[in-house]
Amino acid sequence: MKSWAKYTIVAVIVVSIIGAGFYANQLLSVSTPTQKTLVVGSTDKYTNMDPAVFWAVDSVGATPILEPLYRYALNSSDLEPCLAVSYGIIDAKTYEYVLREGVKFHDGTPFNASCVKWEIDRAKALGKGLSYAFSTILESVEVVDNYRVRFHLATAFSGFPNLLAMPSMGYIPSPSAAAKYGDDFSFKMIGTGPYKLQSWVLDREIIYVRNEEYWGKDYWPVNQQRPDKIVLKIFADSTTLKLALEKGDIDIAFRNIAHEDVPSLETNADVQEMQAQWVGYPMFIAFTLSHPYVNNKYLRKAIAYAIDYDRIVHVALGDFAKRIYSFIDPSWESYEPAWDIYSYNVTRALEYITIARQKAEQAGQWSPNETISISLWCDPSHYGPEIPNVAVIIQDNLKAIGIKAEIRVVDWDTLITMRGKSELQSHIYAWTPLYNDPYYQMFGICHQKGGGASKWKYTNATYDLIVNPTNVERTSELVDLAVKETNSTKRAEYYKEAQRLFADDAQLIIAWTRLEYLYLRKDIKGLVLGPVLTSIGYAWGATYKDGW
């Protein structure tokens, strides 16, 4: 069995590591003898680098190019200055940041307070990507002078500095580049970061070159050894990714190596293994309540009891996972193991199936002995090649209680698009924290205006409350109360109650977190993984090879 604590390097999310990743393919033909090139491989797909538009996985590609005002220090959850040098709290609803002077974007545009206001106003106006995470918190951005910017909040929020480190709010691109490139802006991304975008071929590779004018050269632990070039190479599957690492075509493989491919890597003298212990990467089964059958709360609870969680962890995921009971990390004060009410219990599942049928027939929705069928959507490219195996176990579990489940395997772009249109009756998904505060997940998942509840039609479904007596009004109220609360213990209690109510609704079933391993060639040194996405580009840039 894989040891949970074989290696410990703190990080918040898989997406964090993703954010670090950059790859390369067959660079010998283009490299000079003295050029230091780091080659990283992944099976993840990246489609967007615009922080006003992208989702979490896409922000990976932008990490070495763009920077926030504050970022998380390496191997720490503490914030450190980046494009800002300090900040002060004017009052509970007003924060002022003093910006770093003399910084320029890669295109020569000076960085100043107007750039910060432009980007955050733009993201809020577009209303895309992750903007929902701050749009209800932030009221306005004020330019005080060239190097001071003031943030006015709609309500007091003690977690605001962490929120500002979030990629979609904190990353600042060049306004001049946005005006110049228009619709091509995402593929010509210009920032202030340690690397510039050299080229990008979708689904093949992204190449970054060292920014020799980078303002923060002293930040790098081994500045003299950091790569001249980083290439992020995209592979079709785990097998080709593993083979590339074994052949030495890439230096690091960080996502997604299937557990079946691990034994040969662990016995390979030319390969190192490193585990990233996430603060939280919760995987779950989600339901769109506007769809038939899953709009029945009692059916969803039956499904929650029908799932063999141990079989998923030990068989489908090969012990590269562990069972979890909340989307909040256990180390946070607001953690509540609310989903521990569900365990593998076929008897309880059948009892809830009976209740579900009674309620549905009472509401005139189902006929007696009607066959219950659902579709279960999943994506193996982003969440790991074993995900279809997880779906097969769930399908088998549901068959045992009389539910017919049809598995639909699609790519990441399709899953995201269909999810945004509420076209997925049920699907396997994750909701990772992007900064060190529970608000992002609590609002995104539990609030009726959040990215989760609204996307899945938590309150906008056409069903009878006889079959779906949800707690959405109260969970939304609790999240709103927590935002305004300055006492951390009281705030945590609001969040805990919201988790318990949301778990009772079973609108999503928290199930497991996947243990992530990186595999490196033996000559790779200096790799340190930061706690969240915003620090990962820094960590990769500190990576080097023996002999550089």
Protein backbone atom coordinates (compact mmCIF):
# COMPACT_ATOMS: atom_id res chain seq x y z
CA MET A 1 0.00 0.00 0.00
CA LYS A 2 1.25 3.49 -0.86
CA SER A 3 2.45 5.37 2.22
CA TRP A 4 0.47 8.59 2.79
CA ALA A 5 3.46 10.40 4.30
CA LYS A 6 6.30 8.98 2.26
CA TYR A 7 7.24 12.46 1.21
CA THR A 8 5.72 15.65 2.56
CA ILE A 9 5.75 18.87 0.65
CA VAL A 10 2.89 21.16 1.53
CA ALA A 11 0.64 22.38 -1.28
CA VAL A 12 -3.00 23.41 -1.45
CA ILE A 13 -4.17 21.88 -4.61
CA VAL A 14 -3.35 19.70 -7.44
CA VAL A 15 -3.99 22.69 -9.55
CA SER A 16 -1.11 24.22 -7.56
CA ILE A 17 1.31 21.71 -8.93
CA ILE A 18 -0.30 21.97 -12.23
CA GLY A 19 0.38 25.64 -12.06
CA ALA A 20 4.05 24.90 -11.73
CA GLY A 21 4.29 22.67 -14.71
CA PHE A 22 6.10 23.47 -17.88
CA TYR A 23 7.42 20.99 -20.40
CA ALA A 24 9.62 20.38 -23.32
CA ASN A 25 10.05 18.08 -26.24
CA GLN A 26 13.10 17.43 -28.39
CA LEU A 27 14.86 20.65 -27.52
CA LEU A 28 18.35 19.42 -28.32
CA SER A 29 17.96 20.55 -31.89
CA VAL A 30 17.18 24.13 -30.86
CA SER A 31 19.21 24.52 -27.65
CA THR A 32 22.65 26.04 -27.46
CA PRO A 33 25.30 24.04 -25.56
CA THR A 34 25.06 26.34 -22.55
CA GLN A 35 21.31 26.84 -22.52
CA LYS A 36 19.62 25.54 -19.37
CA THR A 37 16.28 23.98 -20.32
CA LEU A 38 13.80 22.37 -17.94
CA VAL A 39 11.39 19.93 -19.59
CA VAL A 40 8.14 19.09 -17.79
CA GLY A 41 5.35 16.78 -18.93
CA SER A 42 1.65 16.59 -18.16
CA THR A 43 -1.56 15.14 -19.56
CA ASP A 44 -3.54 18.27 -18.60
CA LYS A 45 -4.92 20.48 -21.36
CA TYR A 46 -4.62 24.26 -21.28
CA THR A 47 -6.85 26.51 -23.35
CA ASN A 48 -6.63 30.00 -21.88
CA MET A 49 -4.13 32.31 -20.15
CA ASP A 50 -6.39 35.31 -19.60
CA PRO A 51 -6.90 35.71 -15.82
CA ALA A 52 -10.24 37.46 -16.40
CA VAL A 53 -11.54 34.40 -18.24
CA PHE A 54 -9.70 31.22 -17.25
CA TRP A 55 -10.69 28.53 -14.79
CA ALA A 56 -8.28 27.01 -12.28
CA VAL A 57 -6.59 24.48 -14.56
CA ASP A 58 -5.92 27.08 -17.27
CA SER A 59 -4.21 29.38 -14.80
CA VAL A 60 -1.34 26.90 -14.77
CA GLY A 61 -0.10 28.07 -18.11
CA ALA A 62 -0.06 31.69 -16.98
CA THR A 63 1.81 31.12 -13.71
CA PRO A 64 5.38 31.90 -14.89
CA ILE A 65 4.17 34.88 -16.92
CA LEU A 66 1.77 36.72 -14.61
CA GLU A 67 2.09 37.83 -11.00
CA PRO A 68 -0.23 39.00 -8.19
CA LEU A 69 0.25 41.83 -5.72
CA TYR A 70 0.96 39.33 -2.93
CA ARG A 71 1.77 35.64 -3.28
CA TYR A 72 2.26 32.70 -0.95
CA ALA A 73 5.80 32.07 0.23
CA LEU A 74 7.42 28.77 -0.69
CA ASN A 75 6.42 25.85 1.49
CA SER A 76 4.23 28.15 3.56
CA SER A 77 0.73 29.53 3.81
CA ASP A 78 2.12 32.99 4.64
CA LEU A 79 1.66 35.81 2.15
CA GLU A 80 4.71 37.69 0.90
CA PRO A 81 5.00 40.87 -1.23
CA CYS A 82 5.16 40.50 -4.99
CA LEU A 83 3.94 43.37 -7.22
CA ALA A 84 3.01 45.21 -4.03
CA VAL A 85 5.49 45.95 -1.25
CA SER A 86 3.00 46.45 1.59
CA TYR A 87 -0.65 46.93 2.43
CA GLY A 88 -2.63 48.58 5.18
CA ILE A 89 -6.16 48.33 6.53
CA ILE A 90 -7.83 51.73 6.43
CA ASP A 91 -10.96 50.30 8.01
CA ALA A 92 -12.80 46.95 7.99
CA LYS A 93 -14.00 47.55 4.43
CA THR A 94 -11.00 49.39 2.94
CA TYR A 95 -7.54 48.04 2.10
CA GLU A 96 -4.71 50.07 0.57
CA TYR A 97 -1.76 48.48 -1.26
CA VAL A 98 1.54 50.21 -2.00
CA LEU A 99 2.87 48.94 -5.33
CA ARG A 100 6.42 48.09 -6.33
CA GLU A 101 8.02 50.84 -8.39
CA GLY A 102 10.10 50.36 -11.52
CA VAL A 103 8.40 47.15 -12.65
CA LYS A 104 7.67 46.75 -16.36
CA PHE A 105 5.60 44.27 -18.32
CA HIS A 106 7.39 42.13 -20.89
CA ASP A 107 6.27 44.56 -23.63
CA GLY A 108 7.84 47.54 -21.83
CA THR A 109 4.56 48.94 -20.44
CA PRO A 110 5.11 50.39 -16.93
CA PHE A 111 3.26 48.63 -14.12
CA ASN A 112 1.24 50.97 -11.91
CA ALA A 113 -2.02 51.38 -10.01
CA SER A 114 -4.05 52.02 -13.18
CA CYS A 115 -3.06 48.56 -14.47
CA VAL A 116 -4.39 46.95 -11.29
CA LYS A 117 -7.70 48.79 -11.48
CA TRP A 118 -8.05 48.06 -15.20
CA GLU A 119 -7.61 44.30 -14.77
CA ILE A 120 -9.87 43.83 -11.75
CA ASP A 121 -12.60 46.05 -13.21
CA ARG A 122 -12.32 44.11 -16.47
CA ALA A 123 -12.62 40.72 -14.77
CA LYS A 124 -15.62 41.85 -12.75
CA ALA A 125 -17.35 43.33 -15.81
CA LEU A 126 -16.79 40.22 -17.94
CA GLY A 127 -18.20 37.99 -15.21
CA LYS A 128 -16.37 34.93 -16.52
CA GLY A 129 -14.10 32.29 -15.05
CA LEU A 130 -13.52 32.70 -11.34
CA SER A 131 -14.81 36.27 -11.06
CA TYR A 132 -17.80 35.14 -8.99
CA ALA A 133 -15.36 34.43 -6.14
CA PHE A 134 -14.74 38.14 -5.57
CA SER A 135 -17.52 40.00 -7.37
CA THR A 136 -19.82 40.01 -4.33
CA ILE A 137 -16.98 40.99 -1.97
CA LEU A 138 -15.29 43.78 -3.90
CA GLU A 139 -17.26 46.95 -4.47
CA SER A 140 -14.71 49.14 -6.27
CA VAL A 141 -11.02 49.79 -6.94
CA GLU A 142 -9.62 53.30 -6.48
CA VAL A 143 -6.35 54.65 -7.86
CA VAL A 144 -4.92 56.83 -5.09
CA ASP A 145 -1.78 57.71 -7.02
CA ASN A 146 0.60 56.01 -9.43
CA TYR A 147 1.75 53.44 -6.87
CA ARG A 148 -1.11 53.22 -4.41
CA VAL A 149 -4.37 51.43 -5.01
CA ARG A 150 -7.30 51.20 -2.62
CA PHE A 151 -9.87 48.38 -2.52
CA HIS A 152 -13.35 49.16 -1.22
CA LEU A 153 -15.28 46.09 -0.06
CA ALA A 154 -19.03 45.64 -0.08
CA THR A 155 -18.74 44.10 3.36
CA ALA A 156 -16.03 43.55 5.95
CA PHE A 157 -13.98 40.47 5.01
CA SER A 158 -10.90 39.48 6.98
CA GLY A 159 -9.79 37.03 4.29
CA PHE A 160 -9.41 39.72 1.63
CA PRO A 161 -5.57 39.67 1.43
CA ASN A 162 -5.75 35.93 0.66
CA LEU A 163 -8.46 36.56 -1.92
CA LEU A 164 -6.25 39.10 -3.66
CA ALA A 165 -3.57 36.44 -4.13
CA MET A 166 -6.04 34.38 -6.17
CA PRO A 167 -4.97 34.08 -9.84
CA SER A 168 -8.17 35.42 -11.39
CA MET A 169 -8.14 38.49 -9.16
CA GLY A 170 -4.46 38.92 -8.38
CA TYR A 171 -2.75 38.23 -11.72
CA ILE A 172 -2.12 41.47 -13.60
CA PRO A 173 -1.49 41.33 -17.39
CA SER A 174 -0.42 44.18 -19.65
CA PRO A 175 -3.28 46.54 -20.65
CA SER A 176 -1.30 47.50 -23.77
CA ALA A 177 -1.06 43.87 -24.86
CA ALA A 178 -4.80 43.39 -24.35
CA ALA A 179 -5.52 46.37 -26.59
CA LYS A 180 -2.99 45.27 -29.19
CA TYR A 181 -3.94 41.61 -29.52
CA GLY A 182 -7.69 41.71 -28.94
CA ASP A 183 -9.18 38.23 -29.32
CA ASP A 184 -5.67 36.72 -29.48
CA PHE A 185 -4.69 38.21 -26.12
CA SER A 186 -4.81 34.86 -24.31
CA PHE A 187 -2.30 33.36 -26.76
CA LYS A 188 0.01 36.39 -26.59
CA MET A 189 -0.08 36.82 -22.83
CA ILE A 190 2.20 39.53 -21.46
CA GLY A 191 2.93 39.89 -17.76
CA THR A 192 5.66 40.94 -15.33
CA GLY A 193 6.77 37.45 -14.33
CA PRO A 194 10.12 35.66 -14.42
CA TYR A 195 9.35 34.03 -17.77
CA LYS A 196 8.00 35.26 -21.09
CA LEU A 197 5.73 33.30 -23.39
CA GLN A 198 7.75 32.27 -26.43
CA SER A 199 5.24 29.98 -28.17
CA TRP A 200 2.10 27.95 -27.55
CA VAL A 201 0.74 25.09 -29.64
CA LEU A 202 -2.57 23.87 -28.22
CA ASP A 203 -2.49 20.31 -26.87
CA ARG A 204 1.23 20.04 -27.68
CA GLU A 205 3.48 22.45 -25.84
CA ILE A 206 4.00 25.81 -24.21
CA ILE A 207 7.50 27.28 -24.25
CA TYR A 208 8.67 29.98 -21.85
CA VAL A 209 11.96 31.87 -21.93
CA ARG A 210 13.71 33.53 -19.03
CA ASN A 211 12.93 37.20 -18.47
CA GLU A 212 16.39 38.69 -18.07
CA GLU A 213 14.87 42.00 -16.94
CA TYR A 214 12.83 40.40 -14.18
CA TRP A 215 12.52 42.76 -11.21
CA GLY A 216 12.64 39.90 -8.67
CA LYS A 217 15.89 38.15 -9.52
CA ASP A 218 16.94 38.13 -5.89
CA TYR A 219 13.80 36.14 -4.98
CA TRP A 220 15.15 33.01 -6.61
CA PRO A 221 17.00 30.68 -4.21
CA VAL A 222 19.41 29.65 -6.97
CA ASN A 223 19.07 32.50 -9.43
CA GLN A 224 22.29 31.62 -11.22
CA GLN A 225 20.95 28.13 -11.94
CA ARG A 226 17.33 28.78 -12.80
CA PRO A 227 16.28 27.58 -16.27
CA ASP A 228 16.78 29.71 -19.35
CA LYS A 229 13.83 27.93 -20.90
CA ILE A 230 10.91 25.93 -19.53
CA VAL A 231 8.87 23.74 -21.85
CA LEU A 232 5.52 22.31 -20.82
CA LYS A 233 4.82 19.28 -22.96
CA ILE A 234 1.29 17.89 -23.22
CA PHE A 235 0.91 14.11 -23.52
CA ALA A 236 -2.12 12.15 -24.62
CA ASP A 237 -2.02 9.67 -21.75
CA SER A 238 -0.11 8.28 -18.77
CA THR A 239 1.74 5.65 -20.79
CA THR A 240 3.36 8.09 -23.21
CA LEU A 241 4.15 10.48 -20.34
CA LYS A 242 5.88 7.69 -18.40
CA LEU A 243 7.86 6.53 -21.44
CA ALA A 244 9.06 10.06 -22.10
CA LEU A 245 10.36 10.31 -18.52
CA GLU A 246 12.08 6.91 -18.72
CA LYS A 247 13.79 7.85 -21.98
CA GLY A 248 14.92 11.18 -20.57
CA ASP A 249 12.88 13.22 -23.06
CA ILE A 250 11.38 15.12 -20.11
CA ASP A 251 12.84 16.00 -16.72
CA ILE A 252 9.65 15.92 -14.63
CA ALA A 253 6.29 14.19 -14.99
CA PHE A 254 3.75 15.74 -12.67
CA ARG A 255 0.27 14.82 -13.98
CA ASN A 256 -1.18 12.28 -14.52
CA ILE A 257 0.74 9.06 -13.99
CA ALA A 258 -1.66 6.12 -13.61
CA HIS A 259 -1.04 3.98 -10.54
CA GLU A 260 -0.44 0.95 -12.79
CA ASP A 261 2.61 2.73 -14.22
CA VAL A 262 4.13 3.58 -10.84
CA PRO A 263 5.89 0.28 -9.89
CA SER A 264 8.27 0.44 -12.84
CA LEU A 265 9.12 4.06 -12.01
CA GLU A 266 9.73 3.31 -8.33
CA THR A 267 12.31 0.68 -9.26
CA ASN A 268 13.98 2.85 -11.90
CA ALA A 269 17.37 4.07 -10.62
CA ASP A 270 17.19 7.09 -12.94
CA VAL A 271 13.91 8.37 -11.47
CA GLN A 272 13.03 10.07 -8.16
CA GLU A 273 9.57 10.08 -6.62
CA MET A 274 8.09 13.04 -4.74
CA GLN A 275 4.69 13.25 -3.06
CA ALA A 276 2.73 16.45 -2.79
CA GLN A 277 0.45 16.39 0.24
CA TRP A 278 -2.43 18.69 -0.64
CA VAL A 279 -4.25 20.88 1.79
CA GLY A 280 -7.32 19.95 -0.20
CA TYR A 281 -8.32 18.45 -3.55
CA PRO A 282 -11.82 17.14 -2.87
CA MET A 283 -13.33 14.85 -5.50
CA PHE A 284 -17.07 14.33 -5.53
CA ILE A 285 -20.11 13.20 -7.48
CA ALA A 286 -22.27 16.20 -8.37
CA PHE A 287 -25.90 16.31 -9.48
CA THR A 288 -27.72 18.86 -11.63
CA LEU A 289 -31.05 19.24 -9.86
CA SER A 290 -32.96 20.35 -12.94
CA HIS A 291 -32.60 16.81 -14.33
CA PRO A 292 -35.08 13.99 -13.66
CA TYR A 293 -34.44 11.42 -10.91
CA VAL A 294 -31.50 13.33 -9.37
CA ASN A 295 -33.94 16.14 -8.49
CA ASN A 296 -35.11 13.78 -5.74
CA LYS A 297 -33.20 14.37 -2.50
CA TYR A 298 -33.98 10.87 -1.21
CA LEU A 299 -32.61 9.26 -4.36
CA ARG A 300 -29.39 11.25 -4.00
CA LYS A 301 -29.06 10.09 -0.40
CA ALA A 302 -29.63 6.50 -1.58
CA ILE A 303 -26.75 6.94 -4.02
CA ALA A 304 -24.54 8.35 -1.24
CA TYR A 305 -25.12 5.19 0.83
CA ALA A 306 -24.74 2.86 -2.17
CA ILE A 307 -21.16 3.89 -3.04
CA ASP A 308 -18.35 1.60 -1.93
CA TYR A 309 -15.80 4.28 -1.04
CA ASP A 310 -13.13 1.83 0.11
CA ARG A 311 -13.31 -0.01 -3.20
CA ILE A 312 -12.80 3.26 -5.05
CA VAL A 313 -9.76 4.14 -2.94
CA HIS A 314 -8.11 0.71 -2.82
CA VAL A 315 -9.06 -0.79 -6.17
CA ALA A 316 -9.85 1.91 -8.73
CA LEU A 317 -7.25 4.34 -7.38
CA GLY A 318 -4.72 1.78 -6.16
CA ASP A 319 -4.31 3.48 -2.77
CA PHE A 320 -3.26 6.71 -4.47
CA ALA A 321 -6.20 8.33 -2.68
CA LYS A 322 -7.92 8.56 0.68
CA ARG A 323 -11.53 9.02 1.80
CA ILE A 324 -12.49 12.55 2.84
CA TYR A 325 -15.59 14.00 4.50
CA SER A 326 -15.63 17.67 3.51
CA PHE A 327 -14.41 20.03 0.80
CA ILE A 328 -12.69 22.05 3.57
CA ASP A 329 -9.25 20.95 4.69
CA PRO A 330 -9.08 19.33 8.16
CA SER A 331 -6.34 21.76 9.23
CA TRP A 332 -8.69 24.76 8.88
CA GLU A 333 -10.80 25.95 11.80
CA SER A 334 -13.94 25.83 9.64
CA TYR A 335 -13.55 22.14 8.83
CA GLU A 336 -16.62 19.96 9.51
CA PRO A 337 -16.57 16.25 8.49
CA ALA A 338 -20.21 16.57 7.42
CA TRP A 339 -20.15 13.80 4.83
CA ASP A 340 -19.25 11.17 7.42
CA ILE A 341 -23.01 10.56 7.67
CA TYR A 342 -22.64 8.56 4.45
CA SER A 343 -20.93 5.19 4.38
CA TYR A 344 -21.24 2.10 2.21
CA ASN A 345 -24.52 0.69 3.45
CA VAL A 346 -26.74 -1.08 0.89
CA THR A 347 -29.53 -1.57 3.43
CA ARG A 348 -29.76 2.18 4.08
CA ALA A 349 -29.52 2.85 0.35
CA LEU A 350 -32.50 0.59 -0.37
CA GLU A 351 -34.48 2.28 2.41
CA TYR A 352 -33.92 5.67 0.76
CA ILE A 353 -34.82 4.25 -2.67
CA THR A 354 -38.18 3.25 -1.18
CA ILE A 355 -38.69 6.74 0.26
CA ALA A 356 -37.64 8.31 -3.04
CA ARG A 357 -40.22 6.28 -4.93
CA GLN A 358 -42.95 7.11 -2.44
CA LYS A 359 -42.22 10.85 -2.61
CA ALA A 360 -41.98 10.84 -6.42
CA GLU A 361 -45.24 8.93 -6.84
CA GLN A 362 -46.92 11.27 -4.35
CA ALA A 363 -45.77 14.22 -6.47
CA GLY A 364 -46.90 12.51 -9.68
CA GLN A 365 -43.36 12.32 -11.06
CA TRP A 366 -42.67 8.58 -11.28
CA SER A 367 -44.92 5.67 -12.05
CA PRO A 368 -44.84 2.55 -9.82
CA ASN A 369 -41.78 0.34 -10.50
CA GLU A 370 -40.39 2.90 -12.97
CA THR A 371 -36.79 2.18 -14.03
CA ILE A 372 -34.47 4.83 -12.63
CA SER A 373 -31.67 5.74 -15.04
CA ILE A 374 -28.97 8.40 -14.81
CA SER A 375 -25.94 9.42 -16.83
CA LEU A 376 -22.56 9.72 -15.09
CA TRP A 377 -20.03 11.93 -16.88
CA CYS A 378 -16.28 11.91 -16.24
CA ASP A 379 -12.98 13.14 -17.67
CA PRO A 380 -9.77 11.05 -17.35
CA SER A 381 -7.38 13.63 -18.81
CA HIS A 382 -7.69 16.13 -15.96
CA TYR A 383 -8.72 14.05 -12.97
CA GLY A 384 -6.54 11.05 -13.73
CA PRO A 385 -6.67 8.02 -16.03
CA GLU A 386 -8.30 5.93 -13.29
CA ILE A 387 -11.49 8.03 -13.23
CA PRO A 388 -13.39 5.77 -15.67
CA ASN A 389 -12.57 2.86 -13.31
CA VAL A 390 -14.13 4.86 -10.48
CA ALA A 391 -17.21 5.39 -12.62
CA VAL A 392 -17.47 1.63 -13.26
CA ILE A 393 -17.49 0.95 -9.51
CA ILE A 394 -20.21 3.55 -8.97
CA GLN A 395 -22.18 2.05 -11.86
CA ASP A 396 -21.91 -1.40 -10.26
CA ASN A 397 -22.92 -0.01 -6.85
CA LEU A 398 -26.00 1.68 -8.27
CA LYS A 399 -27.04 -1.42 -10.16
CA ALA A 400 -27.23 -3.20 -6.79
CA ILE A 401 -29.97 -0.81 -5.65
CA GLY A 402 -31.91 -0.78 -8.90
CA ILE A 403 -30.45 2.31 -10.60
CA LYS A 404 -29.17 2.08 -14.17
CA ALA A 405 -26.14 4.33 -14.69
CA GLU A 406 -24.71 5.07 -18.13
CA ILE A 407 -21.06 6.17 -18.08
CA ARG A 408 -20.09 8.99 -20.44
CA VAL A 409 -16.34 9.62 -20.81
CA VAL A 410 -15.46 13.00 -22.35
CA ASP A 411 -12.49 15.35 -22.50
CA TRP A 412 -12.00 18.23 -20.08
CA ASP A 413 -13.20 20.99 -22.40
CA THR A 414 -16.41 19.11 -23.12
CA LEU A 415 -17.04 18.43 -19.45
CA ILE A 416 -16.54 22.07 -18.50
CA THR A 417 -18.72 23.33 -21.35
CA MET A 418 -21.56 20.92 -20.61
CA ARG A 419 -21.33 21.60 -16.89
CA GLY A 420 -21.62 25.34 -17.51
CA LYS A 421 -24.81 24.70 -19.47
CA SER A 422 -26.22 22.40 -16.77
CA GLU A 423 -26.26 19.50 -19.23
CA LEU A 424 -24.69 16.92 -16.91
CA GLN A 425 -27.20 14.87 -14.95
CA SER A 426 -24.38 13.67 -12.69
CA HIS A 427 -20.63 13.98 -13.02
CA ILE A 428 -17.33 13.43 -11.21
CA TYR A 429 -15.69 16.74 -10.36
CA ALA A 430 -13.48 18.59 -7.85
CA TRP A 431 -13.49 22.01 -6.20
CA THR A 432 -10.04 23.03 -5.05
CA PRO A 433 -9.22 26.07 -2.91
CA LEU A 434 -7.24 28.72 -4.79
CA TYR A 435 -6.27 30.70 -1.73
CA ASN A 436 -5.83 30.13 1.97
CA ASP A 437 -9.36 30.92 3.17
CA PRO A 438 -12.57 28.82 3.17
CA TYR A 439 -14.71 31.54 1.56
CA TYR A 440 -13.83 30.53 -2.01
CA GLN A 441 -15.21 27.02 -1.54
CA MET A 442 -18.02 27.90 0.85
CA PHE A 443 -19.43 30.57 -1.45
CA GLY A 444 -18.67 28.66 -4.62
CA ILE A 445 -20.30 25.43 -3.47
CA CYS A 446 -22.94 26.29 -0.87
CA HIS A 447 -24.27 29.73 -1.84
CA GLN A 448 -27.15 30.09 -4.28
CA LYS A 449 -25.20 32.79 -6.16
CA GLY A 450 -21.95 30.83 -6.17
CA GLY A 451 -20.19 29.07 -8.99
CA GLY A 452 -21.37 25.66 -7.86
CA ALA A 453 -24.92 26.10 -6.69
CA SER A 454 -25.92 28.36 -9.56
CA LYS A 455 -24.21 26.26 -12.23
CA TRP A 456 -25.94 23.14 -11.00
CA LYS A 457 -29.33 24.86 -10.73
CA TYR A 458 -29.44 24.42 -6.97
CA THR A 459 -32.35 26.84 -6.65
CA ASN A 460 -33.49 27.31 -10.24
CA ALA A 461 -34.85 23.83 -10.89
CA THR A 462 -38.44 22.99 -11.73
CA TYR A 463 -39.17 20.29 -9.19
CA ASP A 464 -41.62 19.77 -6.36
CA LEU A 465 -40.27 20.46 -2.86
CA ILE A 466 -41.99 17.25 -1.76
CA VAL A 467 -39.10 15.34 -3.31
CA ASN A 468 -36.38 17.93 -2.78
CA PRO A 469 -36.67 19.85 0.52
CA THR A 470 -33.28 21.56 0.27
CA ASN A 471 -31.53 23.89 2.72
CA VAL A 472 -30.22 26.36 0.15
CA GLU A 473 -31.68 29.51 1.70
CA ARG A 474 -30.14 28.75 5.08
CA THR A 475 -26.75 27.70 3.68
CA SER A 476 -26.59 30.93 1.66
CA GLU A 477 -27.52 32.94 4.74
CA LEU A 478 -24.79 31.24 6.78
CA VAL A 479 -22.13 31.97 4.16
CA ASP A 480 -23.20 35.62 4.09
CA LEU A 481 -23.07 35.81 7.90
CA ALA A 482 -19.58 34.30 7.93
CA VAL A 483 -18.25 36.90 5.49
CA LYS A 484 -19.25 39.72 7.84
CA GLU A 485 -18.08 37.98 11.01
CA THR A 486 -14.78 39.19 12.48
CA ASN A 487 -14.62 36.59 15.25
CA SER A 488 -12.86 33.59 13.68
CA THR A 489 -14.52 31.02 15.96
CA LYS A 490 -18.01 32.34 15.22
CA ARG A 491 -17.19 32.51 11.53
CA ALA A 492 -16.07 28.88 11.58
CA GLU A 493 -19.31 27.83 13.26
CA TYR A 494 -21.36 29.42 10.48
CA TYR A 495 -19.33 27.51 7.90
CA LYS A 496 -19.64 24.25 9.82
CA GLU A 497 -23.42 24.49 9.96
CA ALA A 498 -23.54 25.26 6.25
CA GLN A 499 -21.48 22.15 5.52
CA ARG A 500 -23.80 19.97 7.59
CA LEU A 501 -26.89 21.30 5.81
CA PHE A 502 -25.30 20.93 2.39
CA ALA A 503 -24.25 17.36 3.16
CA ASP A 504 -27.83 16.56 4.19
CA ASP A 505 -29.02 17.82 0.77
CA ALA A 506 -26.60 15.39 -0.92
CA GLN A 507 -26.49 17.71 -3.90
CA LEU A 508 -22.93 16.55 -4.19
CA ILE A 509 -21.26 13.59 -2.53
CA ILE A 510 -17.78 14.29 -1.19
CA ALA A 511 -15.82 11.09 -1.70
CA TRP A 512 -12.01 11.11 -1.92
CA THR A 513 -8.87 13.09 -2.56
CA ARG A 514 -6.24 11.81 -4.96
CA LEU A 515 -2.67 11.58 -3.73
CA GLU A 516 -0.41 13.21 -6.26
CA TYR A 517 3.14 12.13 -7.04
CA LEU A 518 5.76 13.79 -9.16
CA TYR A 519 8.44 11.75 -10.89
CA LEU A 520 11.76 13.40 -11.65
CA ARG A 521 14.94 12.35 -13.40
CA LYS A 522 17.64 11.72 -10.80
CA ASP A 523 19.69 14.80 -11.81
CA ILE A 524 16.89 17.25 -11.03
CA LYS A 525 17.50 19.32 -7.90
CA GLY A 526 15.98 22.20 -5.97
CA LEU A 527 12.31 21.51 -6.61
CA VAL A 528 10.17 23.00 -3.84
CA LEU A 529 6.41 23.03 -4.07
CA GLY A 530 4.58 26.03 -2.68
CA PRO A 531 1.24 25.77 -0.87
CA VAL A 532 -0.96 27.27 -3.57
CA LEU A 533 -1.03 28.09 -7.23
CA THR A 534 0.46 31.56 -7.01
CA SER A 535 3.83 30.34 -5.73
CA ILE A 536 4.37 27.40 -8.04
CA GLY A 537 5.95 29.23 -10.95
CA TYR A 538 8.53 30.49 -8.49
CA ALA A 539 9.16 26.95 -7.30
CA TRP A 540 9.71 25.56 -10.79
CA GLY A 541 12.03 28.39 -11.63
CA ALA A 542 14.23 27.34 -8.70
CA THR A 543 14.57 23.84 -10.15
CA TYR A 544 17.83 22.91 -11.85
CA LYS A 545 19.92 20.00 -13.10
CA ASP A 546 23.22 18.73 -11.81
CA GLY A 547 25.95 20.21 -13.95
CA TRP A 548 24.29 23.52 -14.82
